[in-house]
Amino acid sequence: AEMRLRARRRLPRMVFDFIDGGADDERTLRENEAALARLTFAPRAMTNVRKVSTGLELFGVPLSMPWRFRNRRCSGKISTAIL
Protein backbone atom coordinates (compact mmCIF):
# COMPACT_ATOMS: atom_id res chain seq x y z
CA ALA A 1 0.00 0.00 0.00
CA GLU A 2 2.86 2.38 0.80
CA MET A 3 4.56 1.82 -2.58
CA ARG A 4 1.24 2.43 -4.34
CA LEU A 5 0.85 5.78 -2.56
CA ARG A 6 4.40 6.76 -3.47
CA ALA A 7 3.79 5.84 -7.09
CA ARG A 8 0.56 7.83 -7.14
CA ARG A 9 2.37 10.92 -5.86
CA ARG A 10 5.36 10.64 -8.21
CA LEU A 11 3.98 9.36 -11.50
CA PRO A 12 1.95 11.37 -13.98
CA ARG A 13 -1.72 10.53 -13.52
CA MET A 14 -2.09 8.82 -16.90
CA VAL A 15 0.90 6.54 -16.20
CA PHE A 16 -0.30 5.67 -12.70
CA ASP A 17 -3.84 4.94 -13.90
CA PHE A 18 -2.52 2.65 -16.64
CA ILE A 19 -0.33 0.66 -14.22
CA ASP A 20 -2.81 0.65 -11.34
CA GLY A 21 -5.95 -0.13 -13.30
CA GLY A 22 -7.16 -3.07 -15.29
CA ALA A 23 -8.97 -3.54 -18.57
CA ASP A 24 -12.74 -3.79 -19.00
CA ASP A 25 -14.25 -5.26 -15.80
CA GLU A 26 -10.83 -5.53 -14.10
CA ARG A 27 -11.36 -9.28 -13.50
CA THR A 28 -7.70 -10.15 -14.13
CA LEU A 29 -6.62 -7.36 -11.82
CA ARG A 30 -8.77 -8.74 -8.99
CA GLU A 31 -7.53 -12.29 -9.62
CA ASN A 32 -3.90 -11.10 -9.55
CA GLU A 33 -4.47 -9.21 -6.30
CA ALA A 34 -6.12 -12.30 -4.75
CA ALA A 35 -3.23 -14.53 -5.88
CA LEU A 36 -0.70 -12.10 -4.44
CA ALA A 37 -2.60 -12.00 -1.14
CA ARG A 38 -2.36 -15.80 -0.91
CA LEU A 39 1.44 -15.74 -1.11
CA THR A 40 3.23 -16.16 2.19
CA PHE A 41 6.82 -15.84 3.28
CA ALA A 42 8.02 -19.00 4.98
CA PRO A 43 11.50 -18.54 6.44
CA ARG A 44 13.43 -21.74 6.95
CA ALA A 45 15.10 -21.59 10.35
CA MET A 46 17.92 -23.92 11.30
CA THR A 47 18.73 -24.70 7.67
CA ASN A 48 22.19 -25.74 6.53
CA VAL A 49 23.63 -22.71 4.73
CA ARG A 50 27.00 -24.12 3.72
CA LYS A 51 25.90 -24.51 0.10
CA VAL A 52 23.66 -21.51 -0.53
CA SER A 53 22.81 -20.73 -4.14
CA THR A 54 20.89 -17.84 -5.64
CA GLY A 55 20.57 -19.78 -8.89
CA LEU A 56 17.43 -21.04 -10.52
CA GLU A 57 16.16 -22.34 -13.81
CA LEU A 58 13.93 -20.01 -15.82
CA PHE A 59 12.29 -21.29 -19.00
CA GLY A 60 14.83 -24.11 -19.12
CA VAL A 61 17.81 -21.75 -18.83
CA PRO A 62 19.97 -22.08 -15.71
CA LEU A 63 20.72 -18.69 -14.14
CA SER A 64 23.45 -18.33 -11.54
CA MET A 65 21.99 -15.07 -10.21
CA PRO A 66 18.49 -14.21 -11.41
CA TRP A 67 18.45 -10.58 -10.23
CA ARG A 68 20.64 -7.96 -11.82
CA PHE A 69 20.44 -4.25 -11.25
CA ARG A 70 21.14 -1.85 -14.07
CA ASN A 71 20.87 1.91 -14.13
CA ARG A 72 19.01 3.27 -17.13
CA ARG A 73 18.37 6.77 -18.32
CA CYS A 74 14.74 7.52 -19.08
CA SER A 75 13.69 11.06 -19.96
CA GLY A 76 16.85 12.45 -18.40
CA LYS A 77 16.22 10.70 -15.09
CA ILE A 78 18.14 7.71 -13.78
CA SER A 79 16.04 4.70 -12.89
CA THR A 80 16.97 1.22 -11.70
CA ALA A 81 15.71 -1.82 -13.56
CA ILE A 82 15.57 -5.28 -12.02
CA LEU A 83 16.18 -7.86 -14.71
C-alpha atoms as a PDB file:
ATOM      1  CA  ALA A   1       0.000   0.000   0.000  1.00  0.00           C
ATOM      2  CA  GLU A   2       2.864   2.378   0.800  1.00  0.00           C
ATOM      3  CA  MET A   3       4.556   1.823  -2.576  1.00  0.00           C
ATOM      4  CA  ARG A   4       1.241   2.432  -4.339  1.00  0.00           C
ATOM      5  CA  LEU A   5       0.852   5.779  -2.558  1.00  0.00           C
ATOM      6  CA  ARG A   6       4.405   6.764  -3.474  1.00  0.00           C
ATOM      7  CA  ALA A   7       3.794   5.839  -7.092  1.00  0.00           C
ATOM      8  CA  ARG A   8       0.557   7.831  -7.139  1.00  0.00           C
ATOM      9  CA  ARG A   9       2.375  10.916  -5.860  1.00  0.00           C
ATOM     10  CA  ARG A  10       5.361  10.642  -8.214  1.00  0.00           C
ATOM     11  CA  LEU A  11       3.977   9.357 -11.504  1.00  0.00           C
ATOM     12  CA  PRO A  12       1.946  11.367 -13.984  1.00  0.00           C
ATOM     13  CA  ARG A  13      -1.723  10.528 -13.521  1.00  0.00           C
ATOM     14  CA  MET A  14      -2.095   8.817 -16.904  1.00  0.00           C
ATOM     15  CA  VAL A  15       0.900   6.545 -16.198  1.00  0.00           C
ATOM     16  CA  PHE A  16      -0.304   5.671 -12.702  1.00  0.00           C
ATOM     17  CA  ASP A  17      -3.843   4.942 -13.899  1.00  0.00           C
ATOM     18  CA  PHE A  18      -2.515   2.647 -16.640  1.00  0.00           C
ATOM     19  CA  ILE A  19      -0.333   0.662 -14.218  1.00  0.00           C
ATOM     20  CA  ASP A  20      -2.810   0.651 -11.343  1.00  0.00           C
ATOM     21  CA  GLY A  21      -5.946  -0.130 -13.305  1.00  0.00           C
ATOM     22  CA  GLY A  22      -7.163  -3.070 -15.293  1.00  0.00           C
ATOM     23  CA  ALA A  23      -8.968  -3.538 -18.574  1.00  0.00           C
ATOM     24  CA  ASP A  24     -12.740  -3.792 -19.000  1.00  0.00           C
ATOM     25  CA  ASP A  25     -14.254  -5.261 -15.799  1.00  0.00           C
ATOM     26  CA  GLU A  26     -10.828  -5.526 -14.099  1.00  0.00           C
ATOM     27  CA  ARG A  27     -11.364  -9.275 -13.504  1.00  0.00           C
ATOM     28  CA  THR A  28      -7.705 -10.153 -14.129  1.00  0.00           C
ATOM     29  CA  LEU A  29      -6.616  -7.360 -11.816  1.00  0.00           C
ATOM     30  CA  ARG A  30      -8.772  -8.742  -8.988  1.00  0.00           C
ATOM     31  CA  GLU A  31      -7.528 -12.289  -9.623  1.00  0.00           C
ATOM     32  CA  ASN A  32      -3.902 -11.103  -9.553  1.00  0.00           C
ATOM     33  CA  GLU A  33      -4.470  -9.211  -6.299  1.00  0.00           C
ATOM     34  CA  ALA A  34      -6.115 -12.301  -4.753  1.00  0.00           C
ATOM     35  CA  ALA A  35      -3.233 -14.529  -5.882  1.00  0.00           C
ATOM     36  CA  LEU A  36      -0.698 -12.101  -4.442  1.00  0.00           C
ATOM     37  CA  ALA A  37      -2.603 -11.996  -1.139  1.00  0.00           C
ATOM     38  CA  ARG A  38      -2.358 -15.804  -0.912  1.00  0.00           C
ATOM     39  CA  LEU A  39       1.445 -15.741  -1.107  1.00  0.00           C
ATOM     40  CA  THR A  40       3.233 -16.163   2.188  1.00  0.00           C
ATOM     41  CA  PHE A  41       6.816 -15.837   3.280  1.00  0.00           C
ATOM     42  CA  ALA A  42       8.022 -19.004   4.980  1.00  0.00           C
ATOM     43  CA  PRO A  43      11.498 -18.538   6.444  1.00  0.00           C
ATOM     44  CA  ARG A  44      13.431 -21.744   6.954  1.00  0.00           C
ATOM     45  CA  ALA A  45      15.096 -21.592  10.349  1.00  0.00           C
ATOM     46  CA  MET A  46      17.918 -23.921  11.302  1.00  0.00           C
ATOM     47  CA  THR A  47      18.725 -24.696   7.668  1.00  0.00           C
ATOM     48  CA  ASN A  48      22.188 -25.744   6.526  1.00  0.00           C
ATOM     49  CA  VAL A  49      23.628 -22.711   4.726  1.00  0.00           C
ATOM     50  CA  ARG A  50      27.000 -24.117   3.717  1.00  0.00           C
ATOM     51  CA  LYS A  51      25.896 -24.513   0.095  1.00  0.00           C
ATOM     52  CA  VAL A  52      23.661 -21.509  -0.528  1.00  0.00           C
ATOM     53  CA  SER A  53      22.806 -20.726  -4.137  1.00  0.00           C
ATOM     54  CA  THR A  54      20.892 -17.841  -5.644  1.00  0.00           C
ATOM     55  CA  GLY A  55      20.571 -19.780  -8.895  1.00  0.00           C
ATOM     56  CA  LEU A  56      17.428 -21.042 -10.521  1.00  0.00           C
ATOM     57  CA  GLU A  57      16.163 -22.341 -13.811  1.00  0.00           C
ATOM     58  CA  LEU A  58      13.931 -20.012 -15.822  1.00  0.00           C
ATOM     59  CA  PHE A  59      12.287 -21.288 -19.003  1.00  0.00           C
ATOM     60  CA  GLY A  60      14.833 -24.108 -19.118  1.00  0.00           C
ATOM     61  CA  VAL A  61      17.805 -21.745 -18.834  1.00  0.00           C
ATOM     62  CA  PRO A  62      19.972 -22.078 -15.713  1.00  0.00           C
ATOM     63  CA  LEU A  63      20.722 -18.685 -14.143  1.00  0.00           C
ATOM     64  CA  SER A  64      23.448 -18.331 -11.538  1.00  0.00           C
ATOM     65  CA  MET A  65      21.990 -15.069 -10.208  1.00  0.00           C
ATOM     66  CA  PRO A  66      18.487 -14.211 -11.411  1.00  0.00           C
ATOM     67  CA  TRP A  67      18.454 -10.576 -10.230  1.00  0.00           C
ATOM     68  CA  ARG A  68      20.644  -7.960 -11.824  1.00  0.00           C
ATOM     69  CA  PHE A  69      20.445  -4.248 -11.252  1.00  0.00           C
ATOM     70  CA  ARG A  70      21.138  -1.847 -14.072  1.00  0.00           C
ATOM     71  CA  ASN A  71      20.874   1.910 -14.126  1.00  0.00           C
ATOM     72  CA  ARG A  72      19.012   3.269 -17.131  1.00  0.00           C
ATOM     73  CA  ARG A  73      18.374   6.770 -18.323  1.00  0.00           C
ATOM     74  CA  CYS A  74      14.742   7.518 -19.079  1.00  0.00           C
ATOM     75  CA  SER A  75      13.690  11.061 -19.959  1.00  0.00           C
ATOM     76  CA  GLY A  76      16.852  12.453 -18.400  1.00  0.00           C
ATOM     77  CA  LYS A  77      16.220  10.703 -15.086  1.00  0.00           C
ATOM     78  CA  ILE A  78      18.144   7.713 -13.784  1.00  0.00           C
ATOM     79  CA  SER A  79      16.038   4.696 -12.886  1.00  0.00           C
ATOM     80  CA  THR A  80      16.973   1.219 -11.702  1.00  0.00           C
ATOM     81  CA  ALA A  81      15.713  -1.821 -13.559  1.00  0.00           C
ATOM     82  CA  ILE A  82      15.566  -5.277 -12.017  1.00  0.00           C
ATOM     83  CA  LEU A  83      16.181  -7.858 -14.712  1.00  0.00           C
END
